[in-house]
Amino acid sequence: MAKEQTRYIFSMGELKRKDNSIAFKNEKGTVYLPIEDTKEIYCMNILPQGNQTIFSKV
């Protein structure tokens, strides 16, 4: 198992869940962050409304 990492997002974009990854999409393209090795995500910019549903506690 890979070591869990803290991820930082500094640019504006959109977060969506895609299979077992979180897809971050902006004007430069799409980056997939694997859920199983992500400990936490810090968004340093404003995300479009509706993205908070990805982060709801289960």
PDB file of N, CA and C in Angstrom:
ATOM      1  N   MET A   1       0.844  -1.187   0.000  1.00  0.00           N
ATOM      2  CA  MET A   1       0.000   0.000   0.000  1.00  0.00           C
ATOM      3  C   MET A   1       0.884   1.245   0.000  1.00  0.00           C
ATOM      4  N   ALA A   2       0.529   2.199  -0.824  1.00  0.00           N
ATOM      5  CA  ALA A   2       1.294   3.436  -0.927  1.00  0.00           C
ATOM      6  C   ALA A   2       1.058   4.316   0.294  1.00  0.00           C
ATOM      7  N   LYS A   3       2.037   5.137   0.592  1.00  0.00           N
ATOM      8  CA  LYS A   3       1.921   6.060   1.713  1.00  0.00           C
ATOM      9  C   LYS A   3       0.876   7.126   1.390  1.00  0.00           C
ATOM     10  N   GLU A   4       0.001   7.406   2.346  1.00  0.00           N
ATOM     11  CA  GLU A   4      -1.019   8.431   2.131  1.00  0.00           C
ATOM     12  C   GLU A   4      -0.361   9.806   2.059  1.00  0.00           C
ATOM     13  N   GLN A   5      -0.828  10.610   1.106  1.00  0.00           N
ATOM     14  CA  GLN A   5      -0.253  11.924   0.878  1.00  0.00           C
ATOM     15  C   GLN A   5      -1.280  13.021   1.109  1.00  0.00           C
ATOM     16  N   THR A   6      -0.784  14.192   1.467  1.00  0.00           N
ATOM     17  CA  THR A   6      -1.615  15.389   1.531  1.00  0.00           C
ATOM     18  C   THR A   6      -1.504  16.067   0.171  1.00  0.00           C
ATOM     19  N   ARG A   7      -2.639  16.396  -0.428  1.00  0.00           N
ATOM     20  CA  ARG A   7      -2.671  17.028  -1.751  1.00  0.00           C
ATOM     21  C   ARG A   7      -3.082  18.488  -1.604  1.00  0.00           C
ATOM     22  N   TYR A   8      -2.433  19.359  -2.357  1.00  0.00           N
ATOM     23  CA  TYR A   8      -2.741  20.789  -2.364  1.00  0.00           C
ATOM     24  C   TYR A   8      -3.165  21.187  -3.770  1.00  0.00           C
ATOM     25  N   ILE A   9      -4.274  21.912  -3.870  1.00  0.00           N
ATOM     26  CA  ILE A   9      -4.758  22.413  -5.160  1.00  0.00           C
ATOM     27  C   ILE A   9      -4.737  23.939  -5.085  1.00  0.00           C
ATOM     28  N   PHE A  10      -3.935  24.563  -5.961  1.00  0.00           N
ATOM     29  CA  PHE A  10      -3.765  26.010  -5.934  1.00  0.00           C
ATOM     30  C   PHE A  10      -4.500  26.733  -7.054  1.00  0.00           C
ATOM     31  N   SER A  11      -4.936  26.031  -8.074  1.00  0.00           N
ATOM     32  CA  SER A  11      -5.597  26.697  -9.198  1.00  0.00           C
ATOM     33  C   SER A  11      -7.101  26.454  -9.161  1.00  0.00           C
ATOM     34  N   MET A  12      -7.840  27.307  -9.849  1.00  0.00           N
ATOM     35  CA  MET A  12      -9.284  27.155  -9.922  1.00  0.00           C
ATOM     36  C   MET A  12      -9.628  26.002 -10.841  1.00  0.00           C
ATOM     37  N   GLY A  13     -10.675  25.279 -10.492  1.00  0.00           N
ATOM     38  CA  GLY A  13     -11.096  24.157 -11.312  1.00  0.00           C
ATOM     39  C   GLY A  13     -12.287  23.464 -10.692  1.00  0.00           C
ATOM     40  N   GLU A  14     -12.568  22.287 -11.177  1.00  0.00           N
ATOM     41  CA  GLU A  14     -13.748  21.533 -10.745  1.00  0.00           C
ATOM     42  C   GLU A  14     -13.312  20.153 -10.269  1.00  0.00           C
ATOM     43  N   LEU A  15     -13.840  19.743  -9.108  1.00  0.00           N
ATOM     44  CA  LEU A  15     -13.566  18.417  -8.570  1.00  0.00           C
ATOM     45  C   LEU A  15     -14.767  17.517  -8.786  1.00  0.00           C
ATOM     46  N   LYS A  16     -14.496  16.289  -9.238  1.00  0.00           N
ATOM     47  CA  LYS A  16     -15.558  15.299  -9.415  1.00  0.00           C
ATOM     48  C   LYS A  16     -15.013  13.938  -9.042  1.00  0.00           C
ATOM     49  N   ARG A  17     -15.885  13.071  -8.587  1.00  0.00           N
ATOM     50  CA  ARG A  17     -15.470  11.699  -8.304  1.00  0.00           C
ATOM     51  C   ARG A  17     -15.542  10.886  -9.592  1.00  0.00           C
ATOM     52  N   LYS A  18     -14.496  10.126  -9.856  1.00  0.00           N
ATOM     53  CA  LYS A  18     -14.423   9.277 -11.045  1.00  0.00           C
ATOM     54  C   LYS A  18     -13.857   7.935 -10.604  1.00  0.00           C
ATOM     55  N   ASP A  19     -14.725   6.926 -10.500  1.00  0.00           N
ATOM     56  CA  ASP A  19     -14.340   5.601 -10.034  1.00  0.00           C
ATOM     57  C   ASP A  19     -13.690   5.715  -8.650  1.00  0.00           C
ATOM     58  N   ASN A  20     -12.460   5.238  -8.487  1.00  0.00           N
ATOM     59  CA  ASN A  20     -11.758   5.336  -7.204  1.00  0.00           C
ATOM     60  C   ASN A  20     -10.736   6.467  -7.211  1.00  0.00           C
ATOM     61  N   SER A  21     -11.070   7.530  -7.913  1.00  0.00           N
ATOM     62  CA  SER A  21     -10.204   8.703  -7.978  1.00  0.00           C
ATOM     63  C   SER A  21     -11.044   9.962  -7.870  1.00  0.00           C
ATOM     64  N   ILE A  22     -10.364  11.045  -7.571  1.00  0.00           N
ATOM     65  CA  ILE A  22     -10.980  12.369  -7.637  1.00  0.00           C
ATOM     66  C   ILE A  22     -10.378  13.053  -8.853  1.00  0.00           C
ATOM     67  N   ALA A  23     -11.227  13.500  -9.748  1.00  0.00           N
ATOM     68  CA  ALA A  23     -10.764  14.162 -10.964  1.00  0.00           C
ATOM     69  C   ALA A  23     -10.802  15.669 -10.751  1.00  0.00           C
ATOM     70  N   PHE A  24      -9.669  16.332 -10.930  1.00  0.00           N
ATOM     71  CA  PHE A  24      -9.595  17.786 -10.881  1.00  0.00           C
ATOM     72  C   PHE A  24      -9.416  18.277 -12.303  1.00  0.00           C
ATOM     73  N   LYS A  25     -10.384  19.058 -12.781  1.00  0.00           N
ATOM     74  CA  LYS A  25     -10.381  19.522 -14.168  1.00  0.00           C
ATOM     75  C   LYS A  25     -10.301  21.040 -14.195  1.00  0.00           C
ATOM     76  N   ASN A  26      -9.373  21.563 -15.001  1.00  0.00           N
ATOM     77  CA  ASN A  26      -9.290  23.004 -15.238  1.00  0.00           C
ATOM     78  C   ASN A  26      -8.887  23.237 -16.688  1.00  0.00           C
ATOM     79  N   GLU A  27      -8.519  24.454 -17.030  1.00  0.00           N
ATOM     80  CA  GLU A  27      -8.220  24.779 -18.428  1.00  0.00           C
ATOM     81  C   GLU A  27      -6.971  24.064 -18.951  1.00  0.00           C
ATOM     82  N   LYS A  28      -6.130  23.565 -18.053  1.00  0.00           N
ATOM     83  CA  LYS A  28      -4.909  22.859 -18.466  1.00  0.00           C
ATOM     84  C   LYS A  28      -5.139  21.373 -18.710  1.00  0.00           C
ATOM     85  N   GLY A  29      -6.298  20.859 -18.263  1.00  0.00           N
ATOM     86  CA  GLY A  29      -6.586  19.439 -18.453  1.00  0.00           C
ATOM     87  C   GLY A  29      -7.157  18.824 -17.188  1.00  0.00           C
ATOM     88  N   THR A  30      -7.080  17.497 -17.102  1.00  0.00           N
ATOM     89  CA  THR A  30      -7.628  16.760 -15.974  1.00  0.00           C
ATOM     90  C   THR A  30      -6.518  15.989 -15.267  1.00  0.00           C
ATOM     91  N   VAL A  31      -6.504  16.082 -13.941  1.00  0.00           N
ATOM     92  CA  VAL A  31      -5.557  15.343 -13.108  1.00  0.00           C
ATOM     93  C   VAL A  31      -6.372  14.419 -12.216  1.00  0.00           C
ATOM     94  N   TYR A  32      -5.982  13.154 -12.139  1.00  0.00           N
ATOM     95  CA  TYR A  32      -6.684  12.177 -11.310  1.00  0.00           C
ATOM     96  C   TYR A  32      -5.893  11.922 -10.035  1.00  0.00           C
ATOM     97  N   LEU A  33      -6.554  12.117  -8.891  1.00  0.00           N
ATOM     98  CA  LEU A  33      -5.942  11.877  -7.595  1.00  0.00           C
ATOM     99  C   LEU A  33      -6.510  10.579  -7.024  1.00  0.00           C
ATOM    100  N   PRO A  34      -5.705   9.530  -6.875  1.00  0.00           N
ATOM    101  CA  PRO A  34      -6.221   8.270  -6.354  1.00  0.00           C
ATOM    102  C   PRO A  34      -6.661   8.409  -4.898  1.00  0.00           C
ATOM    103  N   ILE A  35      -7.845   7.919  -4.593  1.00  0.00           N
ATOM    104  CA  ILE A  35      -8.397   8.045  -3.251  1.00  0.00           C
ATOM    105  C   ILE A  35      -7.598   7.237  -2.242  1.00  0.00           C
ATOM    106  N   GLU A  36      -7.164   6.035  -2.610  1.00  0.00           N
ATOM    107  CA  GLU A  36      -6.540   5.141  -1.644  1.00  0.00           C
ATOM    108  C   GLU A  36      -5.210   5.636  -1.091  1.00  0.00           C
ATOM    109  N   ASP A  37      -4.520   6.540  -1.780  1.00  0.00           N
ATOM    110  CA  ASP A  37      -3.275   7.070  -1.211  1.00  0.00           C
ATOM    111  C   ASP A  37      -3.344   8.574  -0.942  1.00  0.00           C
ATOM    112  N   THR A  38      -4.558   9.105  -0.786  1.00  0.00           N
ATOM    113  CA  THR A  38      -4.747  10.512  -0.451  1.00  0.00           C
ATOM    114  C   THR A  38      -5.283  10.620   0.967  1.00  0.00           C
ATOM    115  N   LYS A  39      -4.522  11.262   1.820  1.00  0.00           N
ATOM    116  CA  LYS A  39      -4.921  11.442   3.218  1.00  0.00           C
ATOM    117  C   LYS A  39      -5.877  12.620   3.359  1.00  0.00           C
ATOM    118  N   GLU A  40      -5.525  13.745   2.746  1.00  0.00           N
ATOM    119  CA  GLU A  40      -6.344  14.951   2.824  1.00  0.00           C
ATOM    120  C   GLU A  40      -6.080  15.822   1.611  1.00  0.00           C
ATOM    121  N   ILE A  41      -7.043  16.690   1.302  1.00  0.00           N
ATOM    122  CA  ILE A  41      -6.931  17.607   0.169  1.00  0.00           C
ATOM    123  C   ILE A  41      -7.200  19.016   0.672  1.00  0.00           C
ATOM    124  N   TYR A  42      -6.291  19.930   0.359  1.00  0.00           N
ATOM    125  CA  TYR A  42      -6.470  21.336   0.689  1.00  0.00           C
ATOM    126  C   TYR A  42      -6.676  22.113  -0.602  1.00  0.00           C
ATOM    127  N   CYS A  43      -7.791  22.817  -0.697  1.00  0.00           N
ATOM    128  CA  CYS A  43      -8.093  23.653  -1.864  1.00  0.00           C
ATOM    129  C   CYS A  43      -7.801  25.096  -1.486  1.00  0.00           C
ATOM    130  N   MET A  44      -6.810  25.689  -2.125  1.00  0.00           N
ATOM    131  CA  MET A  44      -6.366  27.046  -1.800  1.00  0.00           C
ATOM    132  C   MET A  44      -7.026  28.101  -2.679  1.00  0.00           C
ATOM    133  N   ASN A  45      -8.091  27.721  -3.366  1.00  0.00           N
ATOM    134  CA  ASN A  45      -8.800  28.637  -4.236  1.00  0.00           C
ATOM    135  C   ASN A  45     -10.283  28.317  -4.142  1.00  0.00           C
ATOM    136  N   ILE A  46     -11.102  29.127  -4.720  1.00  0.00           N
ATOM    137  CA  ILE A  46     -12.552  28.926  -4.678  1.00  0.00           C
ATOM    138  C   ILE A  46     -12.939  27.838  -5.669  1.00  0.00           C
ATOM    139  N   LEU A  47     -13.786  26.903  -5.229  1.00  0.00           N
ATOM    140  CA  LEU A  47     -14.314  25.857  -6.098  1.00  0.00           C
ATOM    141  C   LEU A  47     -15.746  26.215  -6.480  1.00  0.00           C
ATOM    142  N   PRO A  48     -16.194  25.818  -7.645  1.00  0.00           N
ATOM    143  CA  PRO A  48     -17.581  26.084  -8.034  1.00  0.00           C
ATOM    144  C   PRO A  48     -18.561  25.458  -7.051  1.00  0.00           C
ATOM    145  N   GLN A  49     -19.707  26.087  -6.888  1.00  0.00           N
ATOM    146  CA  GLN A  49     -20.730  25.557  -5.990  1.00  0.00           C
ATOM    147  C   GLN A  49     -21.161  24.164  -6.447  1.00  0.00           C
ATOM    148  N   GLY A  50     -21.402  23.281  -5.506  1.00  0.00           N
ATOM    149  CA  GLY A  50     -21.779  21.909  -5.813  1.00  0.00           C
ATOM    150  C   GLY A  50     -20.656  20.932  -5.523  1.00  0.00           C
ATOM    151  N   ASN A  51     -19.418  21.398  -5.438  1.00  0.00           N
ATOM    152  CA  ASN A  51     -18.294  20.518  -5.142  1.00  0.00           C
ATOM    153  C   ASN A  51     -18.279  20.063  -3.690  1.00  0.00           C
ATOM    154  N   GLN A  52     -19.000  20.742  -2.811  1.00  0.00           N
ATOM    155  CA  GLN A  52     -18.980  20.342  -1.409  1.00  0.00           C
ATOM    156  C   GLN A  52     -19.622  18.964  -1.194  1.00  0.00           C
ATOM    157  N   THR A  53     -20.420  18.478  -2.131  1.00  0.00           N
ATOM    158  CA  THR A  53     -21.036  17.154  -1.967  1.00  0.00           C
ATOM    159  C   THR A  53     -19.998  16.044  -2.059  1.00  0.00           C
ATOM    160  N   ILE A  54     -18.875  16.266  -2.711  1.00  0.00           N
ATOM    161  CA  ILE A  54     -17.804  15.279  -2.775  1.00  0.00           C
ATOM    162  C   ILE A  54     -17.226  15.043  -1.381  1.00  0.00           C
ATOM    163  N   PHE A  55     -17.215  16.082  -0.572  1.00  0.00           N
ATOM    164  CA  PHE A  55     -16.544  16.034   0.714  1.00  0.00           C
ATOM    165  C   PHE A  55     -17.477  15.791   1.879  1.00  0.00           C
ATOM    166  N   SER A  56     -18.705  15.392   1.629  1.00  0.00           N
ATOM    167  CA  SER A  56     -19.629  15.124   2.734  1.00  0.00           C
ATOM    168  C   SER A  56     -19.154  13.911   3.520  1.00  0.00           C
ATOM    169  N   LYS A  57     -19.334  13.954   4.834  1.00  0.00           N
ATOM    170  CA  LYS A  57     -18.888  12.857   5.701  1.00  0.00           C
ATOM    171  C   LYS A  57     -19.842  11.694   5.587  1.00  0.00           C
ATOM    172  N   VAL A  58     -19.293  10.500   5.609  1.00  0.00           N
ATOM    173  CA  VAL A  58     -20.099   9.274   5.518  1.00  0.00           C
ATOM    174  C   VAL A  58     -20.170   8.628   6.871  1.00  0.00           C
TER     175      VAL A  58
END
